[in-house]
């Protein structure tokens, strides 16, 4: 099976390189399809995301596309929320079938929300920029508080499902900081995703929810896949690629919820 995981990593990495989204949203359902239980699929994907996105932080920082102040406020909410979620998963005594059912439901909801975020991204961005004056009237302390709350929500969702750090987090930043360039917001969310997925992944590792052999096979394929996808990112129009990706995520998410 190792070559199948490596091929899956290559395909997902290629899509992420081309679109900038779809890592956890695609990888976790693929692992479920191959028969890996939901908790292990989520834990393995979290560490996979932390390692692959670390390279993205280096690239974005090189081009000064990260706002570390926003990253800090997001992490102040998401990292403690992730730790608390892992603690709850460990201490709330429930049978493994109930836990897996909860994770599958969280996965489905996160996939549907991600699909909506992908479809509505451009409209939400235009809406945010059109009403930028309303938002900018907020005092800095209130905006920081909302950013902290967004981080807290992402911490719980990402730890339970491994999905949402990219698409959902970036859309939230579009709405909160409409005058900051898109490339800088994307870089900021990638920088935030690394500590969040790392902490959540280590927490899942402590619960025994990591398949290290699968993780290694995924990385062997995904790293060159991301490089190739990035090289060809202008070759396929987002007009076709993103709706197709969103439709696939919505279908998978609906099946998991139902």
C-alpha atoms as a PDB file:
ATOM      1  CA  UNK A   1       0.000   0.000   0.000  1.00  0.00           C
ATOM      2  CA  UNK A   2       2.924   2.389   0.458  1.00  0.00           C
ATOM      3  CA  UNK A   3       3.081   3.310  -3.238  1.00  0.00           C
ATOM      4  CA  UNK A   4      -0.651   4.187  -3.137  1.00  0.00           C
ATOM      5  CA  UNK A   5      -0.064   6.599  -0.257  1.00  0.00           C
ATOM      6  CA  UNK A   6       2.926   8.093  -2.061  1.00  0.00           C
ATOM      7  CA  UNK A   7       0.827   8.550  -5.211  1.00  0.00           C
ATOM      8  CA  UNK A   8      -1.964  10.119  -3.130  1.00  0.00           C
ATOM      9  CA  UNK A   9       0.554  12.518  -1.596  1.00  0.00           C
ATOM     10  CA  UNK A  10       1.788  13.429  -5.071  1.00  0.00           C
ATOM     11  CA  UNK A  11      -1.740  14.161  -6.364  1.00  0.00           C
ATOM     12  CA  UNK A  12      -2.824  16.150  -3.288  1.00  0.00           C
ATOM     13  CA  UNK A  13       0.472  18.051  -3.216  1.00  0.00           C
ATOM     14  CA  UNK A  14       0.028  18.912  -6.899  1.00  0.00           C
ATOM     15  CA  UNK A  15      -3.507  20.266  -6.265  1.00  0.00           C
ATOM     16  CA  UNK A  16      -2.333  22.265  -3.250  1.00  0.00           C
ATOM     17  CA  UNK A  17       0.544  23.685  -5.286  1.00  0.00           C
ATOM     18  CA  UNK A  18      -1.857  24.772  -8.046  1.00  0.00           C
ATOM     19  CA  UNK A  19      -4.716  26.151  -5.918  1.00  0.00           C
ATOM     20  CA  UNK A  20      -3.257  26.876  -2.482  1.00  0.00           C
ATOM     21  CA  UNK A  21      -6.078  24.906  -0.802  1.00  0.00           C
ATOM     22  CA  UNK A  22      -7.209  21.338  -0.406  1.00  0.00           C
ATOM     23  CA  UNK A  23      -4.485  19.742   1.729  1.00  0.00           C
ATOM     24  CA  UNK A  24      -6.421  18.446   4.734  1.00  0.00           C
ATOM     25  CA  UNK A  25      -9.743  18.618   2.880  1.00  0.00           C
ATOM     26  CA  UNK A  26      -8.501  16.050   0.362  1.00  0.00           C
ATOM     27  CA  UNK A  27      -5.959  14.023   2.320  1.00  0.00           C
ATOM     28  CA  UNK A  28      -8.124  13.040   5.294  1.00  0.00           C
ATOM     29  CA  UNK A  29     -11.027  11.703   3.154  1.00  0.00           C
ATOM     30  CA  UNK A  30      -8.486   9.789   1.034  1.00  0.00           C
ATOM     31  CA  UNK A  31      -7.072   8.134   4.161  1.00  0.00           C
ATOM     32  CA  UNK A  32     -10.605   7.259   5.276  1.00  0.00           C
ATOM     33  CA  UNK A  33     -11.272   5.712   1.857  1.00  0.00           C
ATOM     34  CA  UNK A  34      -8.212   3.483   2.287  1.00  0.00           C
ATOM     35  CA  UNK A  35      -9.670   2.121   5.518  1.00  0.00           C
ATOM     36  CA  UNK A  36      -7.708   4.134   8.109  1.00  0.00           C
ATOM     37  CA  UNK A  37      -9.900   4.914  11.115  1.00  0.00           C
ATOM     38  CA  UNK A  38     -10.992   8.580  11.434  1.00  0.00           C
ATOM     39  CA  UNK A  39      -8.885   9.436  14.501  1.00  0.00           C
ATOM     40  CA  UNK A  40      -5.680   8.090  12.900  1.00  0.00           C
ATOM     41  CA  UNK A  41      -6.506   9.766   9.570  1.00  0.00           C
ATOM     42  CA  UNK A  42      -6.911  13.139  11.300  1.00  0.00           C
ATOM     43  CA  UNK A  43      -3.781  12.780  13.439  1.00  0.00           C
ATOM     44  CA  UNK A  44      -1.611  11.657  10.512  1.00  0.00           C
ATOM     45  CA  UNK A  45      -2.894  14.478   8.309  1.00  0.00           C
ATOM     46  CA  UNK A  46      -2.210  17.094  10.999  1.00  0.00           C
ATOM     47  CA  UNK A  47       1.494  16.237  11.183  1.00  0.00           C
ATOM     48  CA  UNK A  48       1.584  15.956   7.373  1.00  0.00           C
ATOM     49  CA  UNK A  49       0.177  19.502   7.150  1.00  0.00           C
ATOM     50  CA  UNK A  50       2.625  20.904   9.712  1.00  0.00           C
ATOM     51  CA  UNK A  51       5.633  19.551   7.792  1.00  0.00           C
ATOM     52  CA  UNK A  52       4.462  20.551   4.305  1.00  0.00           C
ATOM     53  CA  UNK A  53       3.304  24.036   5.329  1.00  0.00           C
ATOM     54  CA  UNK A  54       6.600  24.778   7.078  1.00  0.00           C
ATOM     55  CA  UNK A  55       8.156  25.123   3.621  1.00  0.00           C
ATOM     56  CA  UNK A  56       5.405  27.582   2.695  1.00  0.00           C
ATOM     57  CA  UNK A  57       6.289  29.748   5.697  1.00  0.00           C
ATOM     58  CA  UNK A  58       9.889  29.988   4.484  1.00  0.00           C
ATOM     59  CA  UNK A  59       8.785  31.086   1.007  1.00  0.00           C
ATOM     60  CA  UNK A  60       6.230  33.635   2.252  1.00  0.00           C
ATOM     61  CA  UNK A  61       8.621  35.099   4.828  1.00  0.00           C
ATOM     62  CA  UNK A  62      11.255  35.464   2.119  1.00  0.00           C
ATOM     63  CA  UNK A  63       8.778  37.685   0.227  1.00  0.00           C
ATOM     64  CA  UNK A  64       7.661  39.441   3.451  1.00  0.00           C
ATOM     65  CA  UNK A  65       4.118  38.096   3.086  1.00  0.00           C
ATOM     66  CA  UNK A  66       3.495  37.301   6.762  1.00  0.00           C
ATOM     67  CA  UNK A  67       1.975  39.588   9.383  1.00  0.00           C
ATOM     68  CA  UNK A  68       3.402  38.057  12.555  1.00  0.00           C
ATOM     69  CA  UNK A  69       1.265  40.275  14.791  1.00  0.00           C
ATOM     70  CA  UNK A  70      -1.952  38.735  13.381  1.00  0.00           C
ATOM     71  CA  UNK A  71      -0.358  35.269  13.468  1.00  0.00           C
ATOM     72  CA  UNK A  72       0.373  35.709  17.174  1.00  0.00           C
ATOM     73  CA  UNK A  73      -3.210  36.657  18.053  1.00  0.00           C
ATOM     74  CA  UNK A  74      -4.600  33.749  16.051  1.00  0.00           C
ATOM     75  CA  UNK A  75      -2.185  31.320  17.751  1.00  0.00           C
ATOM     76  CA  UNK A  76      -3.034  32.685  21.215  1.00  0.00           C
ATOM     77  CA  UNK A  77      -6.561  31.406  20.603  1.00  0.00           C
ATOM     78  CA  UNK A  78      -5.962  28.293  18.482  1.00  0.00           C
ATOM     79  CA  UNK A  79      -3.074  26.587  20.295  1.00  0.00           C
ATOM     80  CA  UNK A  80      -4.700  26.546  23.776  1.00  0.00           C
ATOM     81  CA  UNK A  81      -8.013  25.512  22.148  1.00  0.00           C
ATOM     82  CA  UNK A  82      -6.224  22.657  20.380  1.00  0.00           C
ATOM     83  CA  UNK A  83      -4.573  21.494  23.602  1.00  0.00           C
ATOM     84  CA  UNK A  84      -7.920  21.640  25.428  1.00  0.00           C
ATOM     85  CA  UNK A  85      -9.606  19.641  22.642  1.00  0.00           C
ATOM     86  CA  UNK A  86      -6.908  16.945  22.792  1.00  0.00           C
ATOM     87  CA  UNK A  87      -7.227  16.870  26.596  1.00  0.00           C
ATOM     88  CA  UNK A  88     -11.003  16.425  26.269  1.00  0.00           C
ATOM     89  CA  UNK A  89     -10.562  13.598  23.739  1.00  0.00           C
ATOM     90  CA  UNK A  90      -8.218  11.863  26.186  1.00  0.00           C
ATOM     91  CA  UNK A  91     -10.192  12.352  29.395  1.00  0.00           C
ATOM     92  CA  UNK A  92     -13.800  12.094  28.293  1.00  0.00           C
ATOM     93  CA  UNK A  93     -14.236   8.356  28.479  1.00  0.00           C
ATOM     94  CA  UNK A  94     -16.161   7.128  25.468  1.00  0.00           C
ATOM     95  CA  UNK A  95     -15.929   4.094  23.247  1.00  0.00           C
ATOM     96  CA  UNK A  96     -13.800   4.318  20.110  1.00  0.00           C
ATOM     97  CA  UNK A  97     -16.811   3.977  17.801  1.00  0.00           C
ATOM     98  CA  UNK A  98     -18.478   7.052  19.312  1.00  0.00           C
ATOM     99  CA  UNK A  99     -15.230   9.027  19.045  1.00  0.00           C
ATOM    100  CA  UNK A 100     -14.780   8.043  15.394  1.00  0.00           C
ATOM    101  CA  UNK A 101     -18.410   8.964  14.671  1.00  0.00           C
ATOM    102  CA  UNK A 102     -17.852  12.403  16.236  1.00  0.00           C
ATOM    103  CA  UNK A 103     -14.699  12.948  14.174  1.00  0.00           C
ATOM    104  CA  UNK A 104     -16.441  11.876  10.949  1.00  0.00           C
ATOM    105  CA  UNK A 105     -19.285  14.320  11.635  1.00  0.00           C
ATOM    106  CA  UNK A 106     -16.809  17.133  12.348  1.00  0.00           C
ATOM    107  CA  UNK A 107     -14.953  16.213   9.139  1.00  0.00           C
ATOM    108  CA  UNK A 108     -18.136  16.411   7.091  1.00  0.00           C
ATOM    109  CA  UNK A 109     -19.165  19.807   8.474  1.00  0.00           C
ATOM    110  CA  UNK A 110     -15.638  21.203   7.977  1.00  0.00           C
ATOM    111  CA  UNK A 111     -15.569  19.926   4.364  1.00  0.00           C
ATOM    112  CA  UNK A 112     -18.915  21.553   3.526  1.00  0.00           C
ATOM    113  CA  UNK A 113     -17.807  24.836   5.144  1.00  0.00           C
ATOM    114  CA  UNK A 114     -14.525  24.701   3.204  1.00  0.00           C
ATOM    115  CA  UNK A 115     -16.400  24.123  -0.071  1.00  0.00           C
ATOM    116  CA  UNK A 116     -18.579  27.173   0.627  1.00  0.00           C
ATOM    117  CA  UNK A 117     -15.504  29.238   1.495  1.00  0.00           C
ATOM    118  CA  UNK A 118     -13.858  28.285  -1.815  1.00  0.00           C
ATOM    119  CA  UNK A 119     -16.973  29.127  -3.868  1.00  0.00           C
ATOM    120  CA  UNK A 120     -17.755  32.404  -2.075  1.00  0.00           C
ATOM    121  CA  UNK A 121     -14.165  33.561  -1.576  1.00  0.00           C
ATOM    122  CA  UNK A 122     -14.128  36.262  -4.275  1.00  0.00           C
ATOM    123  CA  UNK A 123     -17.579  37.572  -3.299  1.00  0.00           C
ATOM    124  CA  UNK A 124     -16.638  37.706   0.375  1.00  0.00           C
ATOM    125  CA  UNK A 125     -13.428  39.543  -0.487  1.00  0.00           C
ATOM    126  CA  UNK A 126     -15.342  42.141  -2.540  1.00  0.00           C
ATOM    127  CA  UNK A 127     -17.911  42.514   0.244  1.00  0.00           C
ATOM    128  CA  UNK A 128     -15.174  43.014   2.839  1.00  0.00           C
ATOM    129  CA  UNK A 129     -13.382  45.626   0.733  1.00  0.00           C
ATOM    130  CA  UNK A 130     -16.655  47.446  -0.014  1.00  0.00           C
ATOM    131  CA  UNK A 131     -17.410  47.721   3.708  1.00  0.00           C
ATOM    132  CA  UNK A 132     -13.803  48.219   4.820  1.00  0.00           C
ATOM    133  CA  UNK A 133     -14.674  51.582   6.364  1.00  0.00           C
ATOM    134  CA  UNK A 134     -17.166  49.936   8.729  1.00  0.00           C
ATOM    135  CA  UNK A 135     -14.644  47.372   9.910  1.00  0.00           C
ATOM    136  CA  UNK A 136     -11.774  49.865  10.245  1.00  0.00           C
ATOM    137  CA  UNK A 137     -13.847  51.865  12.728  1.00  0.00           C
ATOM    138  CA  UNK A 138     -13.332  49.001  15.189  1.00  0.00           C
ATOM    139  CA  UNK A 139     -10.836  49.764  17.951  1.00  0.00           C
ATOM    140  CA  UNK A 140      -7.652  47.685  17.800  1.00  0.00           C
ATOM    141  CA  UNK A 141      -8.482  45.915  21.065  1.00  0.00           C
ATOM    142  CA  UNK A 142     -11.830  44.707  19.672  1.00  0.00           C
ATOM    143  CA  UNK A 143     -10.262  43.527  16.409  1.00  0.00           C
ATOM    144  CA  UNK A 144      -7.614  41.621  18.363  1.00  0.00           C
ATOM    145  CA  UNK A 145     -10.367  40.041  20.458  1.00  0.00           C
ATOM    146  CA  UNK A 146     -12.230  38.879  17.346  1.00  0.00           C
ATOM    147  CA  UNK A 147      -8.976  37.534  15.871  1.00  0.00           C
ATOM    148  CA  UNK A 148      -8.398  35.620  19.101  1.00  0.00           C
ATOM    149  CA  UNK A 149     -11.939  34.177  18.911  1.00  0.00           C
ATOM    150  CA  UNK A 150     -11.372  33.119  15.283  1.00  0.00           C
ATOM    151  CA  UNK A 151      -8.171  31.353  16.363  1.00  0.00           C
ATOM    152  CA  UNK A 152     -10.012  29.610  19.190  1.00  0.00           C
ATOM    153  CA  UNK A 153     -12.698  28.313  16.802  1.00  0.00           C
ATOM    154  CA  UNK A 154     -10.078  27.131  14.300  1.00  0.00           C
ATOM    155  CA  UNK A 155      -8.198  25.346  17.089  1.00  0.00           C
ATOM    156  CA  UNK A 156     -11.204  23.178  17.934  1.00  0.00           C
ATOM    157  CA  UNK A 157     -12.273  22.508  14.315  1.00  0.00           C
ATOM    158  CA  UNK A 158      -8.784  21.721  13.030  1.00  0.00           C
ATOM    159  CA  UNK A 159      -7.923  19.437  15.963  1.00  0.00           C
ATOM    160  CA  UNK A 160     -11.125  17.430  15.501  1.00  0.00           C
ATOM    161  CA  UNK A 161     -11.071  17.287  11.698  1.00  0.00           C
ATOM    162  CA  UNK A 162      -7.618  18.426  10.425  1.00  0.00           C
ATOM    163  CA  UNK A 163      -9.584  20.716   8.057  1.00  0.00           C
ATOM    164  CA  UNK A 164     -10.153  24.470   8.020  1.00  0.00           C
ATOM    165  CA  UNK A 165      -6.770  26.023   8.800  1.00  0.00           C
ATOM    166  CA  UNK A 166      -6.341  27.116   5.174  1.00  0.00           C
ATOM    167  CA  UNK A 167      -9.606  28.047   3.452  1.00  0.00           C
ATOM    168  CA  UNK A 168     -11.715  28.934   6.519  1.00  0.00           C
ATOM    169  CA  UNK A 169      -8.914  30.804   8.268  1.00  0.00           C
ATOM    170  CA  UNK A 170      -8.038  32.853   5.203  1.00  0.00           C
ATOM    171  CA  UNK A 171     -11.664  33.842   4.563  1.00  0.00           C
ATOM    172  CA  UNK A 172     -11.964  34.978   8.194  1.00  0.00           C
ATOM    173  CA  UNK A 173      -8.859  37.122   7.744  1.00  0.00           C
ATOM    174  CA  UNK A 174     -10.276  38.610   4.518  1.00  0.00           C
ATOM    175  CA  UNK A 175     -13.281  39.821   6.491  1.00  0.00           C
ATOM    176  CA  UNK A 176     -11.293  41.098   9.472  1.00  0.00           C
ATOM    177  CA  UNK A 177      -8.459  42.765   7.542  1.00  0.00           C
ATOM    178  CA  UNK A 178      -9.911  43.774   4.139  1.00  0.00           C
ATOM    179  CA  UNK A 179      -7.191  46.299   3.266  1.00  0.00           C
ATOM    180  CA  UNK A 180      -4.258  43.912   3.757  1.00  0.00           C
ATOM    181  CA  UNK A 181      -3.107  42.363   0.428  1.00  0.00           C
ATOM    182  CA  UNK A 182      -4.432  38.862  -0.254  1.00  0.00           C
ATOM    183  CA  UNK A 183      -0.944  37.370  -0.600  1.00  0.00           C
ATOM    184  CA  UNK A 184      -0.033  38.670   2.853  1.00  0.00           C
ATOM    185  CA  UNK A 185      -3.193  37.232   4.422  1.00  0.00           C
ATOM    186  CA  UNK A 186      -2.535  33.839   2.788  1.00  0.00           C
ATOM    187  CA  UNK A 187       1.048  33.864   4.092  1.00  0.00           C
ATOM    188  CA  UNK A 188      -0.192  34.858   7.558  1.00  0.00           C
ATOM    189  CA  UNK A 189      -2.666  31.971   7.694  1.00  0.00           C
ATOM    190  CA  UNK A 190      -0.017  29.484   6.540  1.00  0.00           C
ATOM    191  CA  UNK A 191       2.295  30.762   9.294  1.00  0.00           C
ATOM    192  CA  UNK A 192      -0.509  30.303  11.820  1.00  0.00           C
ATOM    193  CA  UNK A 193      -1.386  26.828  10.514  1.00  0.00           C
ATOM    194  CA  UNK A 194       2.096  25.438  11.240  1.00  0.00           C
ATOM    195  CA  UNK A 195       2.072  25.748  15.064  1.00  0.00           C
ATOM    196  CA  UNK A 196      -1.628  24.830  15.201  1.00  0.00           C
ATOM    197  CA  UNK A 197      -1.298  21.627  13.157  1.00  0.00           C
ATOM    198  CA  UNK A 198       1.989  20.759  14.880  1.00  0.00           C
ATOM    199  CA  UNK A 199       0.520  21.053  18.383  1.00  0.00           C
ATOM    200  CA  UNK A 200      -2.660  19.227  17.355  1.00  0.00           C
ATOM    201  CA  UNK A 201      -0.623  16.538  15.569  1.00  0.00           C
ATOM    202  CA  UNK A 202       1.638  15.986  18.587  1.00  0.00           C
ATOM    203  CA  UNK A 203      -1.482  15.774  20.760  1.00  0.00           C
ATOM    204  CA  UNK A 204      -2.931  13.094  18.486  1.00  0.00           C
ATOM    205  CA  UNK A 205       0.436  11.299  18.536  1.00  0.00           C
ATOM    206  CA  UNK A 206       0.153  11.157  22.322  1.00  0.00           C
ATOM    207  CA  UNK A 207      -3.242   9.483  21.875  1.00  0.00           C
ATOM    208  CA  UNK A 208      -1.719   6.957  19.457  1.00  0.00           C
ATOM    209  CA  UNK A 209      -3.528   8.469  16.455  1.00  0.00           C
ATOM    210  CA  UNK A 210      -0.556   8.596  14.031  1.00  0.00           C
ATOM    211  CA  UNK A 211       0.417   6.060  11.391  1.00  0.00           C
ATOM    212  CA  UNK A 212       4.100   6.939  10.958  1.00  0.00           C
ATOM    213  CA  UNK A 213       4.625   4.653   7.969  1.00  0.00           C
ATOM    214  CA  UNK A 214       1.732   6.256   6.094  1.00  0.00           C
ATOM    215  CA  UNK A 215       2.988   9.732   7.042  1.00  0.00           C
ATOM    216  CA  UNK A 216       6.418   9.007   5.544  1.00  0.00           C
ATOM    217  CA  UNK A 217       4.898   7.651   2.315  1.00  0.00           C
ATOM    218  CA  UNK A 218       2.646  10.715   1.964  1.00  0.00           C
ATOM    219  CA  UNK A 219       5.558  13.116   2.385  1.00  0.00           C
ATOM    220  CA  UNK A 220       7.664  11.306  -0.235  1.00  0.00           C
ATOM    221  CA  UNK A 221       4.961  12.048  -2.797  1.00  0.00           C
ATOM    222  CA  UNK A 222       3.614  15.396  -1.645  1.00  0.00           C
ATOM    223  CA  UNK A 223       6.818  17.441  -1.506  1.00  0.00           C
ATOM    224  CA  UNK A 224       7.634  17.059  -5.231  1.00  0.00           C
ATOM    225  CA  UNK A 225       3.886  17.337  -5.971  1.00  0.00           C
ATOM    226  CA  UNK A 226       3.671  20.760  -4.332  1.00  0.00           C
ATOM    227  CA  UNK A 227       6.745  21.901  -6.274  1.00  0.00           C
ATOM    228  CA  UNK A 228       5.306  20.729  -9.623  1.00  0.00           C
ATOM    229  CA  UNK A 229       1.865  22.198  -8.871  1.00  0.00           C
ATOM    230  CA  UNK A 230       3.431  25.542  -8.007  1.00  0.00           C
ATOM    231  CA  UNK A 231       5.320  25.549 -11.292  1.00  0.00           C
ATOM    232  CA  UNK A 232       2.108  24.919 -13.272  1.00  0.00           C
ATOM    233  CA  UNK A 233      -0.208  27.046 -11.137  1.00  0.00           C
ATOM    234  CA  UNK A 234      -1.050  29.371 -14.022  1.00  0.00           C
ATOM    235  CA  UNK A 235      -1.815  26.580 -16.489  1.00  0.00           C
ATOM    236  CA  UNK A 236      -5.399  25.818 -15.397  1.00  0.00           C
ATOM    237  CA  UNK A 237      -7.947  28.568 -14.807  1.00  0.00           C
ATOM    238  CA  UNK A 238      -9.279  28.980 -11.254  1.00  0.00           C
ATOM    239  CA  UNK A 239     -12.647  29.528 -12.940  1.00  0.00           C
ATOM    240  CA  UNK A 240     -12.835  25.759 -13.522  1.00  0.00           C
ATOM    241  CA  UNK A 241     -10.452  24.323 -10.917  1.00  0.00           C
ATOM    242  CA  UNK A 242     -11.852  25.828  -7.711  1.00  0.00           C
ATOM    243  CA  UNK A 243     -15.554  25.026  -8.403  1.00  0.00           C
ATOM    244  CA  UNK A 244     -14.597  21.424  -9.239  1.00  0.00           C
ATOM    245  CA  UNK A 245     -12.621  21.154  -6.003  1.00  0.00           C
ATOM    246  CA  UNK A 246     -15.467  22.732  -4.001  1.00  0.00           C
ATOM    247  CA  UNK A 247     -18.034  20.351  -5.518  1.00  0.00           C
ATOM    248  CA  UNK A 248     -15.904  17.323  -4.646  1.00  0.00           C
ATOM    249  CA  UNK A 249     -15.440  18.518  -1.046  1.00  0.00           C
ATOM    250  CA  UNK A 250     -19.166  19.239  -0.674  1.00  0.00           C
ATOM    251  CA  UNK A 251     -20.119  15.748  -1.899  1.00  0.00           C
ATOM    252  CA  UNK A 252     -17.633  14.015   0.408  1.00  0.00           C
ATOM    253  CA  UNK A 253     -18.631  16.227   3.337  1.00  0.00           C
ATOM    254  CA  UNK A 254     -22.329  15.515   2.842  1.00  0.00           C
ATOM    255  CA  UNK A 255     -21.682  11.761   2.759  1.00  0.00           C
ATOM    256  CA  UNK A 256     -19.731  11.948   6.027  1.00  0.00           C
ATOM    257  CA  UNK A 257     -22.431  13.995   7.764  1.00  0.00           C
ATOM    258  CA  UNK A 258     -25.248  11.743   6.532  1.00  0.00           C
END
